[in-house]
Amino acid sequence: MKKILTLSFFLTIGLLLANTVNAQQVKIGVFDEQQILPLMPGIQKVDSLMKIFAADSIGAEYDVLLADYKLKDSLLKKDTATPNNLTPAVKQRRVEDVNNLKSKLINWQQYQNEKYQAKQREYLAPYLSKIYEALQVVINEQKYTYILKPDAIFWGNQTDELALRVLGKLKIPLPKDLEDRVKALTAPSTAPKTQPKPVPKN
């Protein structure tokens, strides 16, 4: 189903391109922010913050949840072992409470992953904001019509021109080889352009 929807999307794009090709020059770019994130200054502290969050927040929350479950489950078993110790309504509430805690423990991995990813998005937001601001400048300057993600490409030549141009706009410290490639791409030149090499993915 996903492949059919994706194929439909590209067919629609194809029709749009066919309709606009006479009106304007179509320029399609491929961009992946994951190529640039590892190069952003200060990005290493996100890993440190995530480790602290995993240990102090998620880990501590799990310990509290497990202790709460064990205590309530033990008290429920003890109270239900004595006849007429609990009214049916009170027993039902306590059984539901224990079952809810048990369900949270069973589904803890999914809950933990969701919470981890949400916190990671929060920490990465300032870096992504800078990247996309620079990307927007490049899109306007280079007059791109469409920007696609690498995992949505079925065909064609995926170059890293956009990533290199965005790195040029960010003006951040880069390894020498990347800096040379950015300069070669963005510097005015009368020489024919060479195909940029892929940006190394970490």
N, C-alpha and C. Protein backbone atom coordinates (compact mmCIF):
# COMPACT_ATOMS: atom_id res chain seq x y z
N MET A 1 0.83 -1.20 0.00
CA MET A 1 0.00 0.00 0.00
C MET A 1 0.87 1.26 0.00
N LYS A 2 1.92 1.23 0.85
CA LYS A 2 2.82 2.38 0.93
C LYS A 2 3.51 2.64 -0.41
N LYS A 3 3.93 1.54 -1.08
CA LYS A 3 4.58 1.68 -2.37
C LYS A 3 3.64 2.27 -3.41
N ILE A 4 2.36 1.86 -3.35
CA ILE A 4 1.37 2.36 -4.30
C ILE A 4 1.15 3.85 -4.09
N LEU A 5 1.05 4.26 -2.80
CA LEU A 5 0.85 5.67 -2.49
C LEU A 5 2.06 6.49 -2.94
N THR A 6 3.27 5.95 -2.69
CA THR A 6 4.48 6.67 -3.08
C THR A 6 4.57 6.79 -4.59
N LEU A 7 4.21 5.71 -5.29
CA LEU A 7 4.22 5.73 -6.75
C LEU A 7 3.22 6.75 -7.26
N SER A 8 2.04 6.80 -6.63
CA SER A 8 1.02 7.78 -7.02
C SER A 8 1.54 9.20 -6.82
N PHE A 9 2.26 9.39 -5.72
CA PHE A 9 2.84 10.71 -5.45
C PHE A 9 3.78 11.12 -6.57
N PHE A 10 4.65 10.20 -7.00
CA PHE A 10 5.60 10.55 -8.04
C PHE A 10 4.93 10.72 -9.40
N LEU A 11 3.87 9.97 -9.64
CA LEU A 11 3.11 10.17 -10.89
C LEU A 11 2.48 11.56 -10.89
N THR A 12 1.96 11.97 -9.74
CA THR A 12 1.38 13.30 -9.63
C THR A 12 2.44 14.37 -9.86
N ILE A 13 3.61 14.16 -9.24
CA ILE A 13 4.72 15.10 -9.46
C ILE A 13 5.08 15.16 -10.93
N GLY A 14 5.09 13.99 -11.58
CA GLY A 14 5.41 13.93 -13.01
C GLY A 14 4.43 14.75 -13.83
N LEU A 15 3.14 14.64 -13.50
CA LEU A 15 2.12 15.40 -14.22
C LEU A 15 2.30 16.90 -13.98
N LEU A 16 2.61 17.26 -12.73
CA LEU A 16 2.83 18.67 -12.42
C LEU A 16 4.03 19.21 -13.19
N LEU A 17 5.07 18.39 -13.28
CA LEU A 17 6.26 18.82 -14.01
C LEU A 17 5.95 19.01 -15.49
N ALA A 18 5.16 18.09 -16.02
CA ALA A 18 4.80 18.18 -17.44
C ALA A 18 4.01 19.45 -17.72
N ASN A 19 3.14 19.84 -16.78
CA ASN A 19 2.31 21.03 -16.97
C ASN A 19 3.10 22.32 -16.80
N THR A 20 4.16 22.28 -15.97
CA THR A 20 4.89 23.52 -15.69
C THR A 20 6.18 23.66 -16.48
N VAL A 21 6.57 22.63 -17.21
CA VAL A 21 7.87 22.66 -17.87
C VAL A 21 7.96 23.80 -18.89
N ASN A 22 6.83 24.13 -19.54
CA ASN A 22 6.86 25.21 -20.51
C ASN A 22 6.86 26.57 -19.83
N ALA A 23 6.29 26.65 -18.64
CA ALA A 23 6.17 27.94 -17.95
C ALA A 23 7.46 28.31 -17.23
N GLN A 24 8.18 27.33 -16.72
CA GLN A 24 9.39 27.63 -15.96
C GLN A 24 10.34 26.45 -16.00
N GLN A 25 11.59 26.72 -15.67
CA GLN A 25 12.56 25.64 -15.61
C GLN A 25 12.40 24.91 -14.28
N VAL A 26 12.23 23.60 -14.34
CA VAL A 26 12.03 22.80 -13.13
C VAL A 26 13.39 22.35 -12.60
N LYS A 27 13.60 22.56 -11.30
CA LYS A 27 14.85 22.14 -10.67
C LYS A 27 14.51 21.35 -9.42
N ILE A 28 14.96 20.10 -9.38
CA ILE A 28 14.65 19.20 -8.27
C ILE A 28 15.93 18.94 -7.48
N GLY A 29 15.82 19.05 -6.16
CA GLY A 29 16.95 18.78 -5.28
C GLY A 29 16.66 17.65 -4.32
N VAL A 30 17.71 17.02 -3.84
CA VAL A 30 17.60 15.95 -2.85
C VAL A 30 18.32 16.43 -1.59
N PHE A 31 17.64 16.35 -0.45
CA PHE A 31 18.24 16.88 0.78
C PHE A 31 17.93 15.96 1.96
N ASP A 32 18.96 15.75 2.78
CA ASP A 32 18.81 14.94 3.99
C ASP A 32 19.55 15.64 5.13
N GLU A 33 18.78 16.15 6.11
CA GLU A 33 19.39 16.89 7.23
C GLU A 33 20.32 16.02 8.06
N GLN A 34 20.15 14.67 7.97
CA GLN A 34 21.00 13.77 8.74
C GLN A 34 22.46 13.82 8.28
N GLN A 35 22.69 14.30 7.07
CA GLN A 35 24.06 14.46 6.59
C GLN A 35 24.76 15.62 7.30
N ILE A 36 23.99 16.60 7.71
CA ILE A 36 24.56 17.84 8.25
C ILE A 36 24.57 17.87 9.77
N LEU A 37 23.58 17.24 10.40
CA LEU A 37 23.47 17.28 11.86
C LEU A 37 24.78 16.92 12.58
N PRO A 38 25.49 15.85 12.19
CA PRO A 38 26.72 15.49 12.92
C PRO A 38 27.82 16.55 12.82
N LEU A 39 27.70 17.48 11.85
CA LEU A 39 28.72 18.50 11.66
C LEU A 39 28.41 19.80 12.40
N MET A 40 27.21 19.90 12.98
CA MET A 40 26.82 21.14 13.66
C MET A 40 27.63 21.32 14.95
N PRO A 41 28.15 22.53 15.18
CA PRO A 41 28.90 22.78 16.42
C PRO A 41 28.02 22.56 17.65
N GLY A 42 28.55 21.84 18.63
CA GLY A 42 27.84 21.59 19.88
C GLY A 42 26.88 20.43 19.84
N ILE A 43 26.77 19.74 18.69
CA ILE A 43 25.80 18.65 18.58
C ILE A 43 26.16 17.49 19.53
N GLN A 44 27.43 17.37 19.90
CA GLN A 44 27.85 16.27 20.77
C GLN A 44 27.16 16.33 22.14
N LYS A 45 26.82 17.53 22.57
CA LYS A 45 26.20 17.64 23.90
C LYS A 45 24.80 17.02 23.91
N VAL A 46 24.18 16.86 22.73
CA VAL A 46 22.87 16.22 22.68
C VAL A 46 22.99 14.77 23.14
N ASP A 47 24.04 14.08 22.71
CA ASP A 47 24.25 12.69 23.14
C ASP A 47 24.40 12.62 24.66
N SER A 48 25.16 13.55 25.23
CA SER A 48 25.36 13.57 26.68
C SER A 48 24.04 13.83 27.40
N LEU A 49 23.26 14.78 26.89
CA LEU A 49 21.98 15.10 27.51
C LEU A 49 21.01 13.93 27.41
N MET A 50 21.07 13.20 26.30
CA MET A 50 20.17 12.05 26.12
C MET A 50 20.55 10.92 27.06
N LYS A 51 21.84 10.74 27.32
CA LYS A 51 22.26 9.70 28.27
C LYS A 51 21.78 10.02 29.67
N ILE A 52 21.88 11.30 30.03
CA ILE A 52 21.40 11.74 31.35
C ILE A 52 19.89 11.55 31.45
N PHE A 53 19.18 11.92 30.38
CA PHE A 53 17.72 11.77 30.36
C PHE A 53 17.32 10.30 30.50
N ALA A 54 18.02 9.43 29.77
CA ALA A 54 17.70 8.00 29.81
C ALA A 54 17.91 7.43 31.21
N ALA A 55 18.97 7.86 31.88
CA ALA A 55 19.27 7.33 33.21
C ALA A 55 18.42 7.97 34.31
N ASP A 56 18.38 9.30 34.31
CA ASP A 56 17.75 10.01 35.43
C ASP A 56 16.23 10.15 35.30
N SER A 57 15.74 10.18 34.08
CA SER A 57 14.30 10.40 33.90
C SER A 57 13.58 9.09 33.57
N ILE A 58 13.94 8.49 32.43
CA ILE A 58 13.25 7.26 32.02
C ILE A 58 13.58 6.12 32.98
N GLY A 59 14.85 5.98 33.33
CA GLY A 59 15.25 4.90 34.23
C GLY A 59 14.63 5.03 35.61
N ALA A 60 14.63 6.26 36.13
CA ALA A 60 14.04 6.49 37.45
C ALA A 60 12.53 6.26 37.42
N GLU A 61 11.90 6.67 36.34
CA GLU A 61 10.44 6.47 36.20
C GLU A 61 10.09 4.99 36.19
N TYR A 62 10.92 4.20 35.51
CA TYR A 62 10.68 2.75 35.46
C TYR A 62 10.81 2.13 36.85
N ASP A 63 11.83 2.54 37.59
CA ASP A 63 12.03 2.01 38.95
C ASP A 63 10.85 2.31 39.86
N VAL A 64 10.32 3.54 39.76
CA VAL A 64 9.16 3.93 40.57
C VAL A 64 7.93 3.12 40.16
N LEU A 65 7.74 2.96 38.85
CA LEU A 65 6.59 2.20 38.34
C LEU A 65 6.64 0.75 38.80
N LEU A 66 7.81 0.13 38.70
CA LEU A 66 7.97 -1.27 39.10
C LEU A 66 7.72 -1.45 40.59
N ALA A 67 8.27 -0.54 41.39
CA ALA A 67 8.07 -0.62 42.85
C ALA A 67 6.60 -0.44 43.21
N ASP A 68 5.92 0.46 42.53
CA ASP A 68 4.49 0.72 42.77
C ASP A 68 3.67 -0.52 42.42
N TYR A 69 4.01 -1.14 41.28
CA TYR A 69 3.29 -2.35 40.87
C TYR A 69 3.47 -3.47 41.88
N LYS A 70 4.70 -3.70 42.29
CA LYS A 70 4.98 -4.80 43.23
C LYS A 70 4.24 -4.59 44.55
N LEU A 71 4.25 -3.37 45.05
CA LEU A 71 3.59 -3.07 46.32
C LEU A 71 2.07 -3.28 46.21
N LYS A 72 1.46 -2.70 45.18
CA LYS A 72 0.00 -2.78 45.05
C LYS A 72 -0.45 -4.21 44.73
N ASP A 73 0.34 -4.92 43.93
CA ASP A 73 0.00 -6.31 43.61
C ASP A 73 0.08 -7.18 44.87
N SER A 74 1.11 -6.95 45.67
CA SER A 74 1.28 -7.72 46.91
C SER A 74 0.15 -7.44 47.89
N LEU A 75 -0.23 -6.16 48.06
CA LEU A 75 -1.32 -5.80 48.98
C LEU A 75 -2.66 -6.36 48.50
N LEU A 76 -2.86 -6.35 47.19
CA LEU A 76 -4.12 -6.88 46.64
C LEU A 76 -4.22 -8.38 46.91
N LYS A 77 -3.13 -9.10 46.67
CA LYS A 77 -3.15 -10.55 46.92
C LYS A 77 -3.39 -10.85 48.40
N LYS A 78 -2.77 -10.07 49.25
CA LYS A 78 -2.93 -10.26 50.70
C LYS A 78 -4.38 -9.98 51.13
N ASP A 79 -4.96 -8.88 50.62
CA ASP A 79 -6.31 -8.50 51.02
C ASP A 79 -7.38 -9.43 50.44
N THR A 80 -7.13 -9.92 49.22
CA THR A 80 -8.13 -10.81 48.61
C THR A 80 -8.05 -12.23 49.19
N ALA A 81 -6.96 -12.52 49.88
CA ALA A 81 -6.83 -13.85 50.50
C ALA A 81 -7.74 -13.97 51.72
N THR A 82 -8.10 -12.84 52.31
CA THR A 82 -8.99 -12.83 53.47
C THR A 82 -10.42 -12.57 53.01
N PRO A 83 -11.34 -13.51 53.28
CA PRO A 83 -12.73 -13.33 52.84
C PRO A 83 -13.34 -12.07 53.45
N ASN A 84 -14.16 -11.39 52.63
CA ASN A 84 -14.90 -10.19 53.05
C ASN A 84 -13.99 -9.04 53.50
N ASN A 85 -12.70 -9.08 53.12
CA ASN A 85 -11.79 -8.00 53.50
C ASN A 85 -11.98 -6.77 52.61
N LEU A 86 -12.45 -7.00 51.38
CA LEU A 86 -12.67 -5.90 50.44
C LEU A 86 -14.09 -5.98 49.89
N THR A 87 -14.71 -4.83 49.71
CA THR A 87 -16.02 -4.81 49.04
C THR A 87 -15.77 -5.04 47.55
N PRO A 88 -16.74 -5.54 46.82
CA PRO A 88 -16.55 -5.79 45.38
C PRO A 88 -16.10 -4.54 44.62
N ALA A 89 -16.67 -3.38 44.96
CA ALA A 89 -16.31 -2.14 44.24
C ALA A 89 -14.86 -1.76 44.49
N VAL A 90 -14.43 -1.84 45.75
CA VAL A 90 -13.04 -1.50 46.09
C VAL A 90 -12.08 -2.49 45.45
N LYS A 91 -12.44 -3.78 45.49
CA LYS A 91 -11.60 -4.80 44.88
C LYS A 91 -11.45 -4.56 43.39
N GLN A 92 -12.55 -4.21 42.71
CA GLN A 92 -12.50 -3.97 41.27
C GLN A 92 -11.58 -2.80 40.94
N ARG A 93 -11.67 -1.71 41.72
CA ARG A 93 -10.80 -0.54 41.49
C ARG A 93 -9.33 -0.90 41.67
N ARG A 94 -9.04 -1.68 42.70
CA ARG A 94 -7.65 -2.04 42.97
C ARG A 94 -7.10 -3.01 41.93
N VAL A 95 -7.97 -3.93 41.47
CA VAL A 95 -7.55 -4.85 40.40
C VAL A 95 -7.25 -4.07 39.13
N GLU A 96 -8.11 -3.09 38.81
CA GLU A 96 -7.88 -2.27 37.61
C GLU A 96 -6.60 -1.46 37.74
N ASP A 97 -6.34 -0.95 38.92
CA ASP A 97 -5.12 -0.18 39.16
C ASP A 97 -3.87 -1.04 38.95
N VAL A 98 -3.89 -2.25 39.50
CA VAL A 98 -2.75 -3.17 39.34
C VAL A 98 -2.59 -3.57 37.88
N ASN A 99 -3.70 -3.83 37.20
CA ASN A 99 -3.64 -4.22 35.79
C ASN A 99 -3.10 -3.09 34.91
N ASN A 100 -3.47 -1.85 35.24
CA ASN A 100 -2.95 -0.70 34.49
C ASN A 100 -1.44 -0.58 34.65
N LEU A 101 -0.97 -0.76 35.88
CA LEU A 101 0.47 -0.71 36.13
C LEU A 101 1.19 -1.84 35.39
N LYS A 102 0.58 -3.01 35.41
CA LYS A 102 1.17 -4.17 34.73
C LYS A 102 1.24 -3.92 33.22
N SER A 103 0.18 -3.33 32.67
CA SER A 103 0.14 -3.03 31.24
C SER A 103 1.25 -2.04 30.87
N LYS A 104 1.47 -1.03 31.73
CA LYS A 104 2.54 -0.06 31.47
C LYS A 104 3.91 -0.73 31.47
N LEU A 105 4.11 -1.68 32.38
CA LEU A 105 5.39 -2.39 32.43
C LEU A 105 5.58 -3.26 31.19
N ILE A 106 4.50 -3.92 30.75
CA ILE A 106 4.59 -4.78 29.57
C ILE A 106 4.92 -3.95 28.33
N ASN A 107 4.31 -2.75 28.24
CA ASN A 107 4.51 -1.89 27.06
C ASN A 107 5.59 -0.83 27.30
N TRP A 108 6.44 -1.07 28.29
CA TRP A 108 7.42 -0.06 28.67
C TRP A 108 8.37 0.29 27.54
N GLN A 109 8.80 -0.70 26.77
CA GLN A 109 9.77 -0.45 25.70
C GLN A 109 9.23 0.57 24.70
N GLN A 110 7.98 0.39 24.29
CA GLN A 110 7.38 1.32 23.34
C GLN A 110 7.25 2.72 23.96
N TYR A 111 6.78 2.77 25.20
CA TYR A 111 6.63 4.04 25.91
C TYR A 111 7.99 4.74 26.04
N GLN A 112 9.00 3.96 26.41
CA GLN A 112 10.35 4.51 26.58
C GLN A 112 10.87 5.08 25.27
N ASN A 113 10.68 4.33 24.17
CA ASN A 113 11.14 4.79 22.86
C ASN A 113 10.46 6.09 22.45
N GLU A 114 9.15 6.17 22.68
CA GLU A 114 8.40 7.37 22.31
C GLU A 114 8.87 8.58 23.12
N LYS A 115 9.08 8.37 24.41
CA LYS A 115 9.52 9.45 25.28
C LYS A 115 10.95 9.88 24.92
N TYR A 116 11.80 8.91 24.61
CA TYR A 116 13.18 9.19 24.23
C TYR A 116 13.22 10.01 22.94
N GLN A 117 12.44 9.57 21.95
CA GLN A 117 12.43 10.27 20.66
C GLN A 117 11.87 11.68 20.78
N ALA A 118 10.85 11.85 21.64
CA ALA A 118 10.28 13.19 21.84
C ALA A 118 11.32 14.12 22.46
N LYS A 119 12.06 13.64 23.44
CA LYS A 119 13.09 14.46 24.08
C LYS A 119 14.23 14.75 23.10
N GLN A 120 14.58 13.76 22.29
CA GLN A 120 15.64 13.96 21.30
C GLN A 120 15.23 15.03 20.28
N ARG A 121 13.98 14.99 19.83
CA ARG A 121 13.49 16.02 18.91
C ARG A 121 13.57 17.41 19.55
N GLU A 122 13.27 17.47 20.84
CA GLU A 122 13.33 18.74 21.57
C GLU A 122 14.76 19.28 21.59
N TYR A 123 15.74 18.42 21.86
CA TYR A 123 17.13 18.85 21.91
C TYR A 123 17.68 19.21 20.52
N LEU A 124 17.20 18.50 19.49
CA LEU A 124 17.71 18.73 18.13
C LEU A 124 17.05 19.91 17.44
N ALA A 125 15.92 20.37 17.97
CA ALA A 125 15.13 21.42 17.32
C ALA A 125 15.95 22.67 16.96
N PRO A 126 16.78 23.21 17.88
CA PRO A 126 17.55 24.42 17.51
C PRO A 126 18.52 24.19 16.35
N TYR A 127 19.12 23.01 16.30
CA TYR A 127 20.06 22.70 15.22
C TYR A 127 19.32 22.54 13.89
N LEU A 128 18.19 21.82 13.94
CA LEU A 128 17.40 21.63 12.72
C LEU A 128 16.84 22.95 12.21
N SER A 129 16.49 23.83 13.13
CA SER A 129 15.97 25.15 12.73
C SER A 129 17.02 25.91 11.93
N LYS A 130 18.28 25.89 12.38
CA LYS A 130 19.35 26.58 11.66
C LYS A 130 19.58 25.94 10.29
N ILE A 131 19.54 24.61 10.26
CA ILE A 131 19.75 23.91 8.99
C ILE A 131 18.67 24.27 7.98
N TYR A 132 17.42 24.27 8.42
CA TYR A 132 16.32 24.55 7.48
C TYR A 132 16.24 26.02 7.10
N GLU A 133 16.71 26.92 7.96
CA GLU A 133 16.79 28.32 7.57
C GLU A 133 17.80 28.47 6.43
N ALA A 134 18.95 27.80 6.58
CA ALA A 134 19.98 27.85 5.53
C ALA A 134 19.48 27.18 4.26
N LEU A 135 18.75 26.08 4.40
CA LEU A 135 18.20 25.39 3.23
C LEU A 135 17.24 26.30 2.48
N GLN A 136 16.41 27.05 3.21
CA GLN A 136 15.45 27.94 2.56
C GLN A 136 16.16 29.02 1.75
N VAL A 137 17.27 29.53 2.29
CA VAL A 137 18.06 30.52 1.54
C VAL A 137 18.58 29.92 0.25
N VAL A 138 19.12 28.69 0.33
CA VAL A 138 19.66 28.01 -0.85
C VAL A 138 18.54 27.76 -1.87
N ILE A 139 17.38 27.32 -1.40
CA ILE A 139 16.25 27.06 -2.30
C ILE A 139 15.88 28.33 -3.07
N ASN A 140 15.83 29.45 -2.36
CA ASN A 140 15.47 30.72 -3.00
C ASN A 140 16.55 31.18 -3.98
N GLU A 141 17.81 31.05 -3.57
CA GLU A 141 18.91 31.50 -4.43
C GLU A 141 19.05 30.64 -5.68
N GLN A 142 18.95 29.33 -5.50
CA GLN A 142 19.17 28.39 -6.61
C GLN A 142 17.89 28.07 -7.38
N LYS A 143 16.77 28.60 -6.86
CA LYS A 143 15.47 28.46 -7.53
C LYS A 143 15.07 26.99 -7.74
N TYR A 144 15.10 26.23 -6.64
CA TYR A 144 14.64 24.85 -6.68
C TYR A 144 13.11 24.83 -6.71
N THR A 145 12.57 23.93 -7.52
CA THR A 145 11.12 23.79 -7.62
C THR A 145 10.61 22.77 -6.61
N TYR A 146 11.33 21.65 -6.48
CA TYR A 146 10.95 20.59 -5.55
C TYR A 146 12.18 20.10 -4.80
N ILE A 147 11.97 19.76 -3.52
CA ILE A 147 13.02 19.15 -2.70
C ILE A 147 12.50 17.80 -2.22
N LEU A 148 13.26 16.74 -2.48
CA LEU A 148 12.85 15.39 -2.10
C LEU A 148 13.80 14.81 -1.06
N LYS A 149 13.30 13.85 -0.29
CA LYS A 149 14.13 13.13 0.68
C LYS A 149 14.79 11.94 -0.03
N PRO A 150 16.01 11.57 0.36
CA PRO A 150 16.69 10.46 -0.32
C PRO A 150 15.92 9.15 -0.31
N ASP A 151 15.20 8.86 0.79
CA ASP A 151 14.49 7.58 0.86
C ASP A 151 13.22 7.57 0.02
N ALA A 152 12.90 8.71 -0.62
CA ALA A 152 11.72 8.76 -1.48
C ALA A 152 12.10 8.72 -2.96
N ILE A 153 13.38 8.56 -3.25
CA ILE A 153 13.84 8.57 -4.64
C ILE A 153 13.86 7.15 -5.20
N PHE A 154 13.19 6.96 -6.32
CA PHE A 154 13.19 5.66 -6.99
C PHE A 154 14.22 5.61 -8.11
N TRP A 155 14.54 6.76 -8.64
CA TRP A 155 15.42 6.80 -9.79
C TRP A 155 16.21 8.10 -9.76
N GLY A 156 17.10 8.25 -10.70
CA GLY A 156 17.82 9.51 -10.82
C GLY A 156 19.13 9.52 -10.05
N ASN A 157 19.86 10.59 -10.24
CA ASN A 157 21.18 10.73 -9.64
C ASN A 157 21.07 11.58 -8.37
N GLN A 158 21.32 10.99 -7.22
CA GLN A 158 21.21 11.71 -5.96
C GLN A 158 22.55 12.38 -5.65
N THR A 159 22.63 13.68 -5.91
CA THR A 159 23.85 14.40 -5.60
C THR A 159 23.72 15.05 -4.24
N ASP A 160 24.84 15.54 -3.73
CA ASP A 160 24.84 16.21 -2.44
C ASP A 160 25.03 17.71 -2.59
N GLU A 161 24.67 18.25 -3.76
CA GLU A 161 24.85 19.69 -4.00
C GLU A 161 24.11 20.52 -2.95
N LEU A 162 22.87 20.14 -2.66
CA LEU A 162 22.08 20.90 -1.68
C LEU A 162 22.74 20.88 -0.30
N ALA A 163 23.17 19.71 0.14
CA ALA A 163 23.81 19.59 1.46
C ALA A 163 25.06 20.46 1.53
N LEU A 164 25.85 20.47 0.47
CA LEU A 164 27.07 21.27 0.45
C LEU A 164 26.75 22.76 0.46
N ARG A 165 25.72 23.16 -0.28
CA ARG A 165 25.34 24.57 -0.30
C ARG A 165 24.82 25.02 1.07
N VAL A 166 24.05 24.15 1.73
CA VAL A 166 23.54 24.47 3.07
C VAL A 166 24.70 24.61 4.05
N LEU A 167 25.69 23.71 3.96
CA LEU A 167 26.87 23.81 4.82
C LEU A 167 27.58 25.15 4.59
N GLY A 168 27.61 25.60 3.34
CA GLY A 168 28.23 26.88 3.02
C GLY A 168 27.49 28.04 3.69
N LYS A 169 26.17 27.96 3.73
CA LYS A 169 25.37 29.02 4.35
C LYS A 169 25.50 29.01 5.87
N LEU A 170 25.67 27.83 6.45
CA LEU A 170 25.76 27.72 7.91
C LEU A 170 27.07 28.32 8.46
N LYS A 171 28.10 28.35 7.61
CA LYS A 171 29.39 28.91 8.01
C LYS A 171 29.90 28.31 9.33
N ILE A 172 29.89 26.99 9.39
CA ILE A 172 30.37 26.29 10.57
C ILE A 172 31.72 25.64 10.25
N PRO A 173 32.53 25.35 11.27
CA PRO A 173 33.82 24.68 11.02
C PRO A 173 33.58 23.31 10.39
N LEU A 174 34.34 23.02 9.34
CA LEU A 174 34.19 21.76 8.61
C LEU A 174 35.54 21.09 8.44
N PRO A 175 35.53 19.75 8.27
CA PRO A 175 36.78 19.08 7.89
C PRO A 175 37.29 19.66 6.57
N LYS A 176 38.60 19.64 6.38
CA LYS A 176 39.24 20.30 5.23
C LYS A 176 38.65 19.84 3.90
N ASP A 177 38.43 18.52 3.74
CA ASP A 177 37.93 18.03 2.46
C ASP A 177 36.52 18.57 2.17
N LEU A 178 35.68 18.62 3.21
CA LEU A 178 34.33 19.17 3.02
C LEU A 178 34.38 20.66 2.73
N GLU A 179 35.26 21.37 3.44
CA GLU A 179 35.39 22.81 3.23
C GLU A 179 35.80 23.11 1.79
N ASP A 180 36.74 22.32 1.26
CA ASP A 180 37.19 22.50 -0.12
C ASP A 180 36.07 22.25 -1.11
N ARG A 181 35.25 21.23 -0.83
CA ARG A 181 34.14 20.91 -1.74
C ARG A 181 33.06 21.99 -1.71
N VAL A 182 32.82 22.54 -0.51
CA VAL A 182 31.84 23.63 -0.40
C VAL A 182 32.34 24.84 -1.18
N LYS A 183 33.62 25.19 -1.02
CA LYS A 183 34.19 26.34 -1.72
C LYS A 183 34.17 26.13 -3.23
N ALA A 184 34.49 24.92 -3.66
CA ALA A 184 34.50 24.63 -5.09
C ALA A 184 33.11 24.76 -5.70
N LEU A 185 32.10 24.42 -4.92
CA LEU A 185 30.72 24.47 -5.42
C LEU A 185 30.16 25.88 -5.40
N THR A 186 30.48 26.63 -4.34
CA THR A 186 29.83 27.93 -4.15
C THR A 186 30.63 29.11 -4.70
N ALA A 187 31.94 28.90 -4.94
CA ALA A 187 32.75 30.00 -5.46
C ALA A 187 32.43 30.23 -6.93
N PRO A 188 32.34 31.51 -7.38
CA PRO A 188 32.10 31.78 -8.80
C PRO A 188 33.25 31.24 -9.63
N SER A 189 32.90 30.58 -10.70
CA SER A 189 33.94 29.99 -11.54
C SER A 189 33.44 29.89 -12.97
N THR A 190 34.36 30.04 -13.90
CA THR A 190 34.00 29.88 -15.30
C THR A 190 34.26 28.47 -15.76
N ALA A 191 34.98 27.70 -14.93
CA ALA A 191 35.29 26.31 -15.28
C ALA A 191 34.04 25.47 -15.14
N PRO A 192 33.92 24.39 -15.94
CA PRO A 192 32.74 23.53 -15.82
C PRO A 192 32.68 22.88 -14.45
N LYS A 193 31.46 22.78 -13.89
CA LYS A 193 31.28 22.20 -12.56
C LYS A 193 31.46 20.69 -12.60
N THR A 194 32.12 20.18 -11.59
CA THR A 194 32.24 18.73 -11.45
C THR A 194 31.16 18.23 -10.51
N GLN A 195 30.82 16.97 -10.66
CA GLN A 195 29.79 16.37 -9.79
C GLN A 195 30.31 16.30 -8.36
N PRO A 196 29.61 16.90 -7.38
CA PRO A 196 30.11 16.81 -5.99
C PRO A 196 30.05 15.39 -5.46
N LYS A 197 31.08 15.03 -4.68
CA LYS A 197 31.10 13.70 -4.05
C LYS A 197 30.11 13.68 -2.90
N PRO A 198 29.60 12.48 -2.55
CA PRO A 198 28.63 12.40 -1.44
C PRO A 198 29.24 12.89 -0.13
N VAL A 199 28.42 13.57 0.67
CA VAL A 199 28.84 13.97 2.00
C VAL A 199 28.89 12.71 2.86
N PRO A 200 29.99 12.47 3.57
CA PRO A 200 30.06 11.23 4.38
C PRO A 200 28.97 11.21 5.43
N LYS A 201 28.26 10.06 5.56
CA LYS A 201 27.21 9.91 6.55
C LYS A 201 27.77 9.19 7.76
N ASN A 202 27.56 9.78 8.94
CA ASN A 202 28.03 9.16 10.18
C ASN A 202 27.01 8.20 10.72
